[in-house]
Amino acid sequence: MSTRLFADVPEAKGFVRETRRSPDSLEFKPTNGTDPERPKVRTKTELDALQSELEGAARKNAARAGLRRAEKPPVTTAGAAGKPQGSQKTLPN
């Protein structure tokens, strides 16, 4: 009772009933504006065309930036310069 939360709402006072408008005449306005126009759902062919367009643009931008797609992984040197990589057999002297 001290929180004034009730399961059954008490009857409104007389001055409240007299000044309150009827629920049918209330004209609520949305607070977030009007609904934006949503794009239509795309078909499979439209999605494929869009994907190829985006991939082409990505290739073009990579070429303009001087980046290339690596065909092979770059060779790294693990030891001193000039020593070949990998296991090599040594012959006894």
PDB file of N, CA and C in Angstrom:
ATOM      1  N   MET A   1       0.810  -1.193   0.000  1.00  0.00           N
ATOM      2  CA  MET A   1       0.000   0.000   0.000  1.00  0.00           C
ATOM      3  C   MET A   1       0.857   1.262   0.000  1.00  0.00           C
ATOM      4  N   SER A   2       2.062   1.163   0.588  1.00  0.00           N
ATOM      5  CA  SER A   2       2.888   2.363   0.663  1.00  0.00           C
ATOM      6  C   SER A   2       3.463   2.753  -0.696  1.00  0.00           C
ATOM      7  N   THR A   3       3.566   1.804  -1.618  1.00  0.00           N
ATOM      8  CA  THR A   3       4.093   2.130  -2.951  1.00  0.00           C
ATOM      9  C   THR A   3       3.015   2.659  -3.883  1.00  0.00           C
ATOM     10  N   ARG A   4       1.774   2.525  -3.491  1.00  0.00           N
ATOM     11  CA  ARG A   4       0.619   2.978  -4.271  1.00  0.00           C
ATOM     12  C   ARG A   4       0.501   2.261  -5.619  1.00  0.00           C
ATOM     13  N   LEU A   5       0.965   1.023  -5.643  1.00  0.00           N
ATOM     14  CA  LEU A   5       0.769   0.174  -6.816  1.00  0.00           C
ATOM     15  C   LEU A   5      -0.372  -0.780  -6.495  1.00  0.00           C
ATOM     16  N   PHE A   6      -1.390  -0.761  -7.317  1.00  0.00           N
ATOM     17  CA  PHE A   6      -2.572  -1.560  -7.051  1.00  0.00           C
ATOM     18  C   PHE A   6      -2.836  -2.497  -8.216  1.00  0.00           C
ATOM     19  N   ALA A   7      -3.329  -3.701  -7.904  1.00  0.00           N
ATOM     20  CA  ALA A   7      -3.744  -4.625  -8.954  1.00  0.00           C
ATOM     21  C   ALA A   7      -5.037  -4.131  -9.593  1.00  0.00           C
ATOM     22  N   ASP A   8      -5.924  -3.649  -8.776  1.00  0.00           N
ATOM     23  CA  ASP A   8      -7.180  -3.077  -9.265  1.00  0.00           C
ATOM     24  C   ASP A   8      -7.076  -1.565  -9.147  1.00  0.00           C
ATOM     25  N   VAL A   9      -7.233  -0.883 -10.269  1.00  0.00           N
ATOM     26  CA  VAL A   9      -7.107   0.570 -10.289  1.00  0.00           C
ATOM     27  C   VAL A   9      -8.307   1.176  -9.572  1.00  0.00           C
ATOM     28  N   PRO A  10      -8.085   2.080  -8.625  1.00  0.00           N
ATOM     29  CA  PRO A  10      -9.232   2.688  -7.927  1.00  0.00           C
ATOM     30  C   PRO A  10     -10.004   3.626  -8.853  1.00  0.00           C
ATOM     31  N   GLU A  11     -11.231   3.886  -8.499  1.00  0.00           N
ATOM     32  CA  GLU A  11     -12.092   4.779  -9.275  1.00  0.00           C
ATOM     33  C   GLU A  11     -11.499   6.187  -9.282  1.00  0.00           C
ATOM     34  N   ALA A  12     -11.525   6.842 -10.456  1.00  0.00           N
ATOM     35  CA  ALA A  12     -10.980   8.198 -10.578  1.00  0.00           C
ATOM     36  C   ALA A  12     -11.873   9.185  -9.825  1.00  0.00           C
ATOM     37  N   LYS A  13     -11.280  10.240  -9.334  1.00  0.00           N
ATOM     38  CA  LYS A  13     -12.013  11.291  -8.608  1.00  0.00           C
ATOM     39  C   LYS A  13     -12.925  12.032  -9.582  1.00  0.00           C
ATOM     40  N   GLY A  14     -13.866  12.759  -9.076  1.00  0.00           N
ATOM     41  CA  GLY A  14     -14.859  13.457  -9.897  1.00  0.00           C
ATOM     42  C   GLY A  14     -14.251  14.499 -10.808  1.00  0.00           C
ATOM     43  N   PHE A  15     -13.311  15.310 -10.302  1.00  0.00           N
ATOM     44  CA  PHE A  15     -12.729  16.357 -11.148  1.00  0.00           C
ATOM     45  C   PHE A  15     -11.875  15.756 -12.255  1.00  0.00           C
ATOM     46  N   VAL A  16     -11.322  14.558 -12.028  1.00  0.00           N
ATOM     47  CA  VAL A  16     -10.515  13.893 -13.065  1.00  0.00           C
ATOM     48  C   VAL A  16     -11.436  13.399 -14.173  1.00  0.00           C
ATOM     49  N   ARG A  17     -12.556  12.770 -13.813  1.00  0.00           N
ATOM     50  CA  ARG A  17     -13.505  12.271 -14.819  1.00  0.00           C
ATOM     51  C   ARG A  17     -14.099  13.412 -15.634  1.00  0.00           C
ATOM     52  N   GLU A  18     -14.328  14.566 -15.032  1.00  0.00           N
ATOM     53  CA  GLU A  18     -14.938  15.702 -15.734  1.00  0.00           C
ATOM     54  C   GLU A  18     -13.969  16.343 -16.730  1.00  0.00           C
ATOM     55  N   THR A  19     -12.698  16.397 -16.403  1.00  0.00           N
ATOM     56  CA  THR A  19     -11.740  17.095 -17.275  1.00  0.00           C
ATOM     57  C   THR A  19     -11.059  16.169 -18.283  1.00  0.00           C
ATOM     58  N   ARG A  20     -11.146  14.896 -18.073  1.00  0.00           N
ATOM     59  CA  ARG A  20     -10.472  13.951 -18.977  1.00  0.00           C
ATOM     60  C   ARG A  20     -11.300  13.749 -20.240  1.00  0.00           C
ATOM     61  N   ARG A  21     -10.630  13.759 -21.373  1.00  0.00           N
ATOM     62  CA  ARG A  21     -11.319  13.498 -22.642  1.00  0.00           C
ATOM     63  C   ARG A  21     -11.587  12.008 -22.780  1.00  0.00           C
ATOM     64  N   SER A  22     -12.559  11.681 -23.609  1.00  0.00           N
ATOM     65  CA  SER A  22     -12.885  10.268 -23.800  1.00  0.00           C
ATOM     66  C   SER A  22     -11.758   9.584 -24.585  1.00  0.00           C
ATOM     67  N   PRO A  23     -11.499   8.312 -24.320  1.00  0.00           N
ATOM     68  CA  PRO A  23     -10.410   7.616 -25.022  1.00  0.00           C
ATOM     69  C   PRO A  23     -10.614   7.537 -26.530  1.00  0.00           C
ATOM     70  N   ASP A  24     -11.872   7.638 -26.993  1.00  0.00           N
ATOM     71  CA  ASP A  24     -12.134   7.576 -28.434  1.00  0.00           C
ATOM     72  C   ASP A  24     -11.707   8.851 -29.150  1.00  0.00           C
ATOM     73  N   SER A  25     -11.689   9.967 -28.463  1.00  0.00           N
ATOM     74  CA  SER A  25     -11.369  11.239 -29.114  1.00  0.00           C
ATOM     75  C   SER A  25      -9.879  11.593 -29.030  1.00  0.00           C
ATOM     76  N   LEU A  26      -9.104  10.751 -28.376  1.00  0.00           N
ATOM     77  CA  LEU A  26      -7.674  11.053 -28.261  1.00  0.00           C
ATOM     78  C   LEU A  26      -6.984  10.850 -29.612  1.00  0.00           C
ATOM     79  N   GLU A  27      -6.186  11.807 -29.999  1.00  0.00           N
ATOM     80  CA  GLU A  27      -5.463  11.732 -31.267  1.00  0.00           C
ATOM     81  C   GLU A  27      -3.968  11.728 -30.948  1.00  0.00           C
ATOM     82  N   PHE A  28      -3.438  10.546 -30.745  1.00  0.00           N
ATOM     83  CA  PHE A  28      -2.029  10.437 -30.416  1.00  0.00           C
ATOM     84  C   PHE A  28      -1.188  10.688 -31.657  1.00  0.00           C
ATOM     85  N   LYS A  29      -0.099  11.372 -31.493  1.00  0.00           N
ATOM     86  CA  LYS A  29       0.827  11.638 -32.586  1.00  0.00           C
ATOM     87  C   LYS A  29       2.108  10.862 -32.312  1.00  0.00           C
ATOM     88  N   PRO A  30       2.681  10.277 -33.349  1.00  0.00           N
ATOM     89  CA  PRO A  30       3.917   9.526 -33.131  1.00  0.00           C
ATOM     90  C   PRO A  30       5.046  10.458 -32.708  1.00  0.00           C
ATOM     91  N   THR A  31       5.852  10.005 -31.780  1.00  0.00           N
ATOM     92  CA  THR A  31       6.956  10.833 -31.284  1.00  0.00           C
ATOM     93  C   THR A  31       8.228  10.650 -32.090  1.00  0.00           C
ATOM     94  N   ASN A  32       8.275   9.643 -32.943  1.00  0.00           N
ATOM     95  CA  ASN A  32       9.487   9.386 -33.707  1.00  0.00           C
ATOM     96  C   ASN A  32       9.346   9.767 -35.181  1.00  0.00           C
ATOM     97  N   GLY A  33       8.343  10.490 -35.551  1.00  0.00           N
ATOM     98  CA  GLY A  33       8.186  10.923 -36.938  1.00  0.00           C
ATOM     99  C   GLY A  33       7.389   9.911 -37.751  1.00  0.00           C
ATOM    100  N   THR A  34       7.432  10.086 -39.053  1.00  0.00           N
ATOM    101  CA  THR A  34       6.698   9.190 -39.933  1.00  0.00           C
ATOM    102  C   THR A  34       7.540   7.968 -40.253  1.00  0.00           C
ATOM    103  N   ASP A  35       6.883   6.915 -40.676  1.00  0.00           N
ATOM    104  CA  ASP A  35       7.602   5.705 -41.045  1.00  0.00           C
ATOM    105  C   ASP A  35       8.396   5.956 -42.323  1.00  0.00           C
ATOM    106  N   PRO A  36       9.674   5.620 -42.327  1.00  0.00           N
ATOM    107  CA  PRO A  36      10.465   5.816 -43.544  1.00  0.00           C
ATOM    108  C   PRO A  36      10.066   4.809 -44.618  1.00  0.00           C
ATOM    109  N   GLU A  37      10.302   5.184 -45.847  1.00  0.00           N
ATOM    110  CA  GLU A  37       9.992   4.282 -46.946  1.00  0.00           C
ATOM    111  C   GLU A  37      11.093   3.235 -47.026  1.00  0.00           C
ATOM    112  N   ARG A  38      10.726   1.991 -46.933  1.00  0.00           N
ATOM    113  CA  ARG A  38      11.686   0.887 -46.933  1.00  0.00           C
ATOM    114  C   ARG A  38      11.961   0.417 -48.357  1.00  0.00           C
ATOM    115  N   PRO A  39      13.208  -0.014 -48.634  1.00  0.00           N
ATOM    116  CA  PRO A  39      13.487  -0.531 -49.981  1.00  0.00           C
ATOM    117  C   PRO A  39      12.806  -1.887 -50.165  1.00  0.00           C
ATOM    118  N   LYS A  40      12.503  -2.198 -51.414  1.00  0.00           N
ATOM    119  CA  LYS A  40      11.838  -3.465 -51.691  1.00  0.00           C
ATOM    120  C   LYS A  40      12.853  -4.606 -51.567  1.00  0.00           C
ATOM    121  N   VAL A  41      12.354  -5.796 -51.348  1.00  0.00           N
ATOM    122  CA  VAL A  41      13.195  -6.976 -51.214  1.00  0.00           C
ATOM    123  C   VAL A  41      13.754  -7.324 -52.592  1.00  0.00           C
ATOM    124  N   ARG A  42      15.067  -7.590 -52.646  1.00  0.00           N
ATOM    125  CA  ARG A  42      15.707  -7.876 -53.935  1.00  0.00           C
ATOM    126  C   ARG A  42      15.639  -9.352 -54.268  1.00  0.00           C
ATOM    127  N   THR A  43      15.621  -9.619 -55.584  1.00  0.00           N
ATOM    128  CA  THR A  43      15.583 -10.999 -56.054  1.00  0.00           C
ATOM    129  C   THR A  43      16.998 -11.564 -56.086  1.00  0.00           C
ATOM    130  N   LYS A  44      17.106 -12.864 -56.348  1.00  0.00           N
ATOM    131  CA  LYS A  44      18.409 -13.547 -56.403  1.00  0.00           C
ATOM    132  C   LYS A  44      19.279 -12.953 -57.513  1.00  0.00           C
ATOM    133  N   THR A  45      18.715 -12.664 -58.671  1.00  0.00           N
ATOM    134  CA  THR A  45      19.508 -12.112 -59.770  1.00  0.00           C
ATOM    135  C   THR A  45      19.979 -10.697 -59.448  1.00  0.00           C
ATOM    136  N   GLU A  46      19.131  -9.909 -58.782  1.00  0.00           N
ATOM    137  CA  GLU A  46      19.536  -8.560 -58.387  1.00  0.00           C
ATOM    138  C   GLU A  46      20.657  -8.604 -57.359  1.00  0.00           C
ATOM    139  N   LEU A  47      20.588  -9.558 -56.429  1.00  0.00           N
ATOM    140  CA  LEU A  47      21.643  -9.699 -55.432  1.00  0.00           C
ATOM    141  C   LEU A  47      22.962 -10.142 -56.069  1.00  0.00           C
ATOM    142  N   ASP A  48      22.883 -11.059 -57.060  1.00  0.00           N
ATOM    143  CA  ASP A  48      24.098 -11.488 -57.750  1.00  0.00           C
ATOM    144  C   ASP A  48      24.727 -10.337 -58.524  1.00  0.00           C
ATOM    145  N   ALA A  49      23.898  -9.524 -59.177  1.00  0.00           N
ATOM    146  CA  ALA A  49      24.405  -8.374 -59.919  1.00  0.00           C
ATOM    147  C   ALA A  49      25.050  -7.363 -58.976  1.00  0.00           C
ATOM    148  N   LEU A  50      24.434  -7.134 -57.837  1.00  0.00           N
ATOM    149  CA  LEU A  50      24.990  -6.212 -56.855  1.00  0.00           C
ATOM    150  C   LEU A  50      26.313  -6.727 -56.309  1.00  0.00           C
ATOM    151  N   GLN A  51      26.400  -8.032 -56.053  1.00  0.00           N
ATOM    152  CA  GLN A  51      27.639  -8.614 -55.534  1.00  0.00           C
ATOM    153  C   GLN A  51      28.764  -8.482 -56.550  1.00  0.00           C
ATOM    154  N   SER A  52      28.487  -8.753 -57.820  1.00  0.00           N
ATOM    155  CA  SER A  52      29.533  -8.627 -58.835  1.00  0.00           C
ATOM    156  C   SER A  52      29.952  -7.166 -59.006  1.00  0.00           C
ATOM    157  N   GLU A  53      29.018  -6.254 -58.878  1.00  0.00           N
ATOM    158  CA  GLU A  53      29.346  -4.831 -58.963  1.00  0.00           C
ATOM    159  C   GLU A  53      30.253  -4.405 -57.808  1.00  0.00           C
ATOM    160  N   LEU A  54      29.934  -4.873 -56.609  1.00  0.00           N
ATOM    161  CA  LEU A  54      30.748  -4.527 -55.442  1.00  0.00           C
ATOM    162  C   LEU A  54      32.133  -5.165 -55.513  1.00  0.00           C
ATOM    163  N   GLU A  55      32.217  -6.394 -55.994  1.00  0.00           N
ATOM    164  CA  GLU A  55      33.529  -7.041 -56.126  1.00  0.00           C
ATOM    165  C   GLU A  55      34.373  -6.333 -57.179  1.00  0.00           C
ATOM    166  N   GLY A  56      33.758  -5.890 -58.260  1.00  0.00           N
ATOM    167  CA  GLY A  56      34.481  -5.136 -59.281  1.00  0.00           C
ATOM    168  C   GLY A  56      35.002  -3.818 -58.727  1.00  0.00           C
ATOM    169  N   ALA A  57      34.188  -3.148 -57.934  1.00  0.00           N
ATOM    170  CA  ALA A  57      34.621  -1.893 -57.323  1.00  0.00           C
ATOM    171  C   ALA A  57      35.762  -2.139 -56.345  1.00  0.00           C
ATOM    172  N   ALA A  58      35.722  -3.243 -55.617  1.00  0.00           N
ATOM    173  CA  ALA A  58      36.796  -3.570 -54.675  1.00  0.00           C
ATOM    174  C   ALA A  58      38.097  -3.835 -55.422  1.00  0.00           C
ATOM    175  N   ARG A  59      38.032  -4.559 -56.550  1.00  0.00           N
ATOM    176  CA  ARG A  59      39.238  -4.810 -57.362  1.00  0.00           C
ATOM    177  C   ARG A  59      39.794  -3.507 -57.917  1.00  0.00           C
ATOM    178  N   LYS A  60      38.913  -2.636 -58.370  1.00  0.00           N
ATOM    179  CA  LYS A  60      39.348  -1.355 -58.925  1.00  0.00           C
ATOM    180  C   LYS A  60      40.030  -0.514 -57.852  1.00  0.00           C
ATOM    181  N   ASN A  61      39.438  -0.461 -56.650  1.00  0.00           N
ATOM    182  CA  ASN A  61      40.035   0.319 -55.565  1.00  0.00           C
ATOM    183  C   ASN A  61      41.367  -0.257 -55.119  1.00  0.00           C
ATOM    184  N   ALA A  62      41.482  -1.584 -55.099  1.00  0.00           N
ATOM    185  CA  ALA A  62      42.747  -2.210 -54.723  1.00  0.00           C
ATOM    186  C   ALA A  62      43.822  -1.902 -55.761  1.00  0.00           C
ATOM    187  N   ALA A  63      43.449  -1.887 -57.032  1.00  0.00           N
ATOM    188  CA  ALA A  63      44.415  -1.578 -58.088  1.00  0.00           C
ATOM    189  C   ALA A  63      44.850  -0.113 -57.995  1.00  0.00           C
ATOM    190  N   ARG A  64      43.922   0.768 -57.692  1.00  0.00           N
ATOM    191  CA  ARG A  64      44.265   2.189 -57.560  1.00  0.00           C
ATOM    192  C   ARG A  64      45.164   2.436 -56.355  1.00  0.00           C
ATOM    193  N   ALA A  65      45.018   1.634 -55.321  1.00  0.00           N
ATOM    194  CA  ALA A  65      45.825   1.799 -54.112  1.00  0.00           C
ATOM    195  C   ALA A  65      47.189   1.143 -54.261  1.00  0.00           C
ATOM    196  N   GLY A  66      47.405   0.413 -55.340  1.00  0.00           N
ATOM    197  CA  GLY A  66      48.682  -0.250 -55.558  1.00  0.00           C
ATOM    198  C   GLY A  66      48.758  -1.598 -54.877  1.00  0.00           C
ATOM    199  N   LEU A  67      47.653  -2.116 -54.445  1.00  0.00           N
ATOM    200  CA  LEU A  67      47.624  -3.422 -53.799  1.00  0.00           C
ATOM    201  C   LEU A  67      47.296  -4.478 -54.834  1.00  0.00           C
ATOM    202  N   ARG A  68      47.960  -5.597 -54.707  1.00  0.00           N
ATOM    203  CA  ARG A  68      47.675  -6.704 -55.610  1.00  0.00           C
ATOM    204  C   ARG A  68      47.308  -7.909 -54.784  1.00  0.00           C
ATOM    205  N   ARG A  69      46.565  -8.750 -55.378  1.00  0.00           N
ATOM    206  CA  ARG A  69      46.205  -9.986 -54.717  1.00  0.00           C
ATOM    207  C   ARG A  69      47.398 -10.928 -54.838  1.00  0.00           C
ATOM    208  N   ALA A  70      47.859 -11.451 -53.733  1.00  0.00           N
ATOM    209  CA  ALA A  70      49.041 -12.306 -53.739  1.00  0.00           C
ATOM    210  C   ALA A  70      48.698 -13.662 -54.332  1.00  0.00           C
ATOM    211  N   GLU A  71      49.407 -14.051 -55.383  1.00  0.00           N
ATOM    212  CA  GLU A  71      49.219 -15.354 -56.008  1.00  0.00           C
ATOM    213  C   GLU A  71      49.888 -16.426 -55.150  1.00  0.00           C
ATOM    214  N   LYS A  72      51.114 -16.134 -54.699  1.00  0.00           N
ATOM    215  CA  LYS A  72      51.875 -17.058 -53.883  1.00  0.00           C
ATOM    216  C   LYS A  72      52.243 -16.352 -52.593  1.00  0.00           C
ATOM    217  N   PRO A  73      52.406 -17.101 -51.519  1.00  0.00           N
ATOM    218  CA  PRO A  73      52.839 -16.444 -50.289  1.00  0.00           C
ATOM    219  C   PRO A  73      54.263 -15.921 -50.438  1.00  0.00           C
ATOM    220  N   PRO A  74      54.583 -14.797 -49.835  1.00  0.00           N
ATOM    221  CA  PRO A  74      55.923 -14.244 -49.978  1.00  0.00           C
ATOM    222  C   PRO A  74      56.964 -15.154 -49.331  1.00  0.00           C
ATOM    223  N   VAL A  75      58.154 -15.173 -49.941  1.00  0.00           N
ATOM    224  CA  VAL A  75      59.243 -15.992 -49.442  1.00  0.00           C
ATOM    225  C   VAL A  75      59.886 -15.263 -48.275  1.00  0.00           C
ATOM    226  N   THR A  76      60.063 -15.970 -47.165  1.00  0.00           N
ATOM    227  CA  THR A  76      60.694 -15.362 -46.002  1.00  0.00           C
ATOM    228  C   THR A  76      62.053 -15.996 -45.788  1.00  0.00           C
ATOM    229  N   THR A  77      62.969 -15.238 -45.262  1.00  0.00           N
ATOM    230  CA  THR A  77      64.297 -15.762 -44.964  1.00  0.00           C
ATOM    231  C   THR A  77      64.375 -16.013 -43.472  1.00  0.00           C
ATOM    232  N   ALA A  78      64.736 -17.245 -43.108  1.00  0.00           N
ATOM    233  CA  ALA A  78      64.801 -17.604 -41.695  1.00  0.00           C
ATOM    234  C   ALA A  78      66.207 -17.449 -41.141  1.00  0.00           C
ATOM    235  N   GLY A  79      67.211 -17.635 -41.968  1.00  0.00           N
ATOM    236  CA  GLY A  79      68.586 -17.565 -41.489  1.00  0.00           C
ATOM    237  C   GLY A  79      69.275 -16.342 -42.034  1.00  0.00           C
ATOM    238  N   ALA A  80      70.575 -16.450 -42.168  1.00  0.00           N
ATOM    239  CA  ALA A  80      71.365 -15.346 -42.714  1.00  0.00           C
ATOM    240  C   ALA A  80      71.053 -15.197 -44.192  1.00  0.00           C
ATOM    241  N   ALA A  81      71.289 -14.026 -44.716  1.00  0.00           N
ATOM    242  CA  ALA A  81      71.005 -13.755 -46.128  1.00  0.00           C
ATOM    243  C   ALA A  81      71.903 -14.611 -46.997  1.00  0.00           C
ATOM    244  N   GLY A  82      71.361 -15.158 -48.048  1.00  0.00           N
ATOM    245  CA  GLY A  82      72.140 -15.940 -48.987  1.00  0.00           C
ATOM    246  C   GLY A  82      72.049 -17.429 -48.739  1.00  0.00           C
ATOM    247  N   LYS A  83      71.591 -17.872 -47.594  1.00  0.00           N
ATOM    248  CA  LYS A  83      71.464 -19.295 -47.325  1.00  0.00           C
ATOM    249  C   LYS A  83      70.135 -19.778 -47.883  1.00  0.00           C
ATOM    250  N   PRO A  84      70.142 -20.884 -48.583  1.00  0.00           N
ATOM    251  CA  PRO A  84      68.892 -21.402 -49.117  1.00  0.00           C
ATOM    252  C   PRO A  84      68.016 -21.978 -48.016  1.00  0.00           C
ATOM    253  N   GLN A  85      66.736 -21.946 -48.260  1.00  0.00           N
ATOM    254  CA  GLN A  85      65.756 -22.467 -47.317  1.00  0.00           C
ATOM    255  C   GLN A  85      65.587 -23.960 -47.548  1.00  0.00           C
ATOM    256  N   GLY A  86      65.055 -24.650 -46.528  1.00  0.00           N
ATOM    257  CA  GLY A  86      64.713 -26.045 -46.672  1.00  0.00           C
ATOM    258  C   GLY A  86      65.827 -26.960 -46.201  1.00  0.00           C
ATOM    259  N   SER A  87      65.554 -28.259 -46.260  1.00  0.00           N
ATOM    260  CA  SER A  87      66.551 -29.222 -45.819  1.00  0.00           C
ATOM    261  C   SER A  87      67.416 -29.634 -46.997  1.00  0.00           C
ATOM    262  N   GLN A  88      68.695 -29.578 -46.793  1.00  0.00           N
ATOM    263  CA  GLN A  88      69.638 -29.994 -47.825  1.00  0.00           C
ATOM    264  C   GLN A  88      70.539 -31.061 -47.227  1.00  0.00           C
ATOM    265  N   LYS A  89      70.844 -32.039 -48.055  1.00  0.00           N
ATOM    266  CA  LYS A  89      71.742 -33.099 -47.598  1.00  0.00           C
ATOM    267  C   LYS A  89      73.187 -32.615 -47.772  1.00  0.00           C
ATOM    268  N   THR A  90      73.975 -32.917 -46.795  1.00  0.00           N
ATOM    269  CA  THR A  90      75.405 -32.599 -46.913  1.00  0.00           C
ATOM    270  C   THR A  90      76.166 -33.889 -47.120  1.00  0.00           C
ATOM    271  N   LEU A  91      77.116 -33.840 -47.982  1.00  0.00           N
ATOM    272  CA  LEU A  91      77.946 -34.996 -48.262  1.00  0.00           C
ATOM    273  C   LEU A  91      79.146 -35.012 -47.350  1.00  0.00           C
ATOM    274  N   PRO A  92      79.549 -36.194 -46.874  1.00  0.00           N
ATOM    275  CA  PRO A  92      80.746 -36.237 -46.041  1.00  0.00           C
ATOM    276  C   PRO A  92      81.991 -35.898 -46.856  1.00  0.00           C
ATOM    277  N   ASN A  93      82.985 -35.277 -46.252  1.00  0.00           N
ATOM    278  CA  ASN A  93      84.225 -34.904 -46.946  1.00  0.00           C
ATOM    279  C   ASN A  93      85.172 -36.006 -47.024  1.00  0.00           C
TER     280      ASN A  93
END
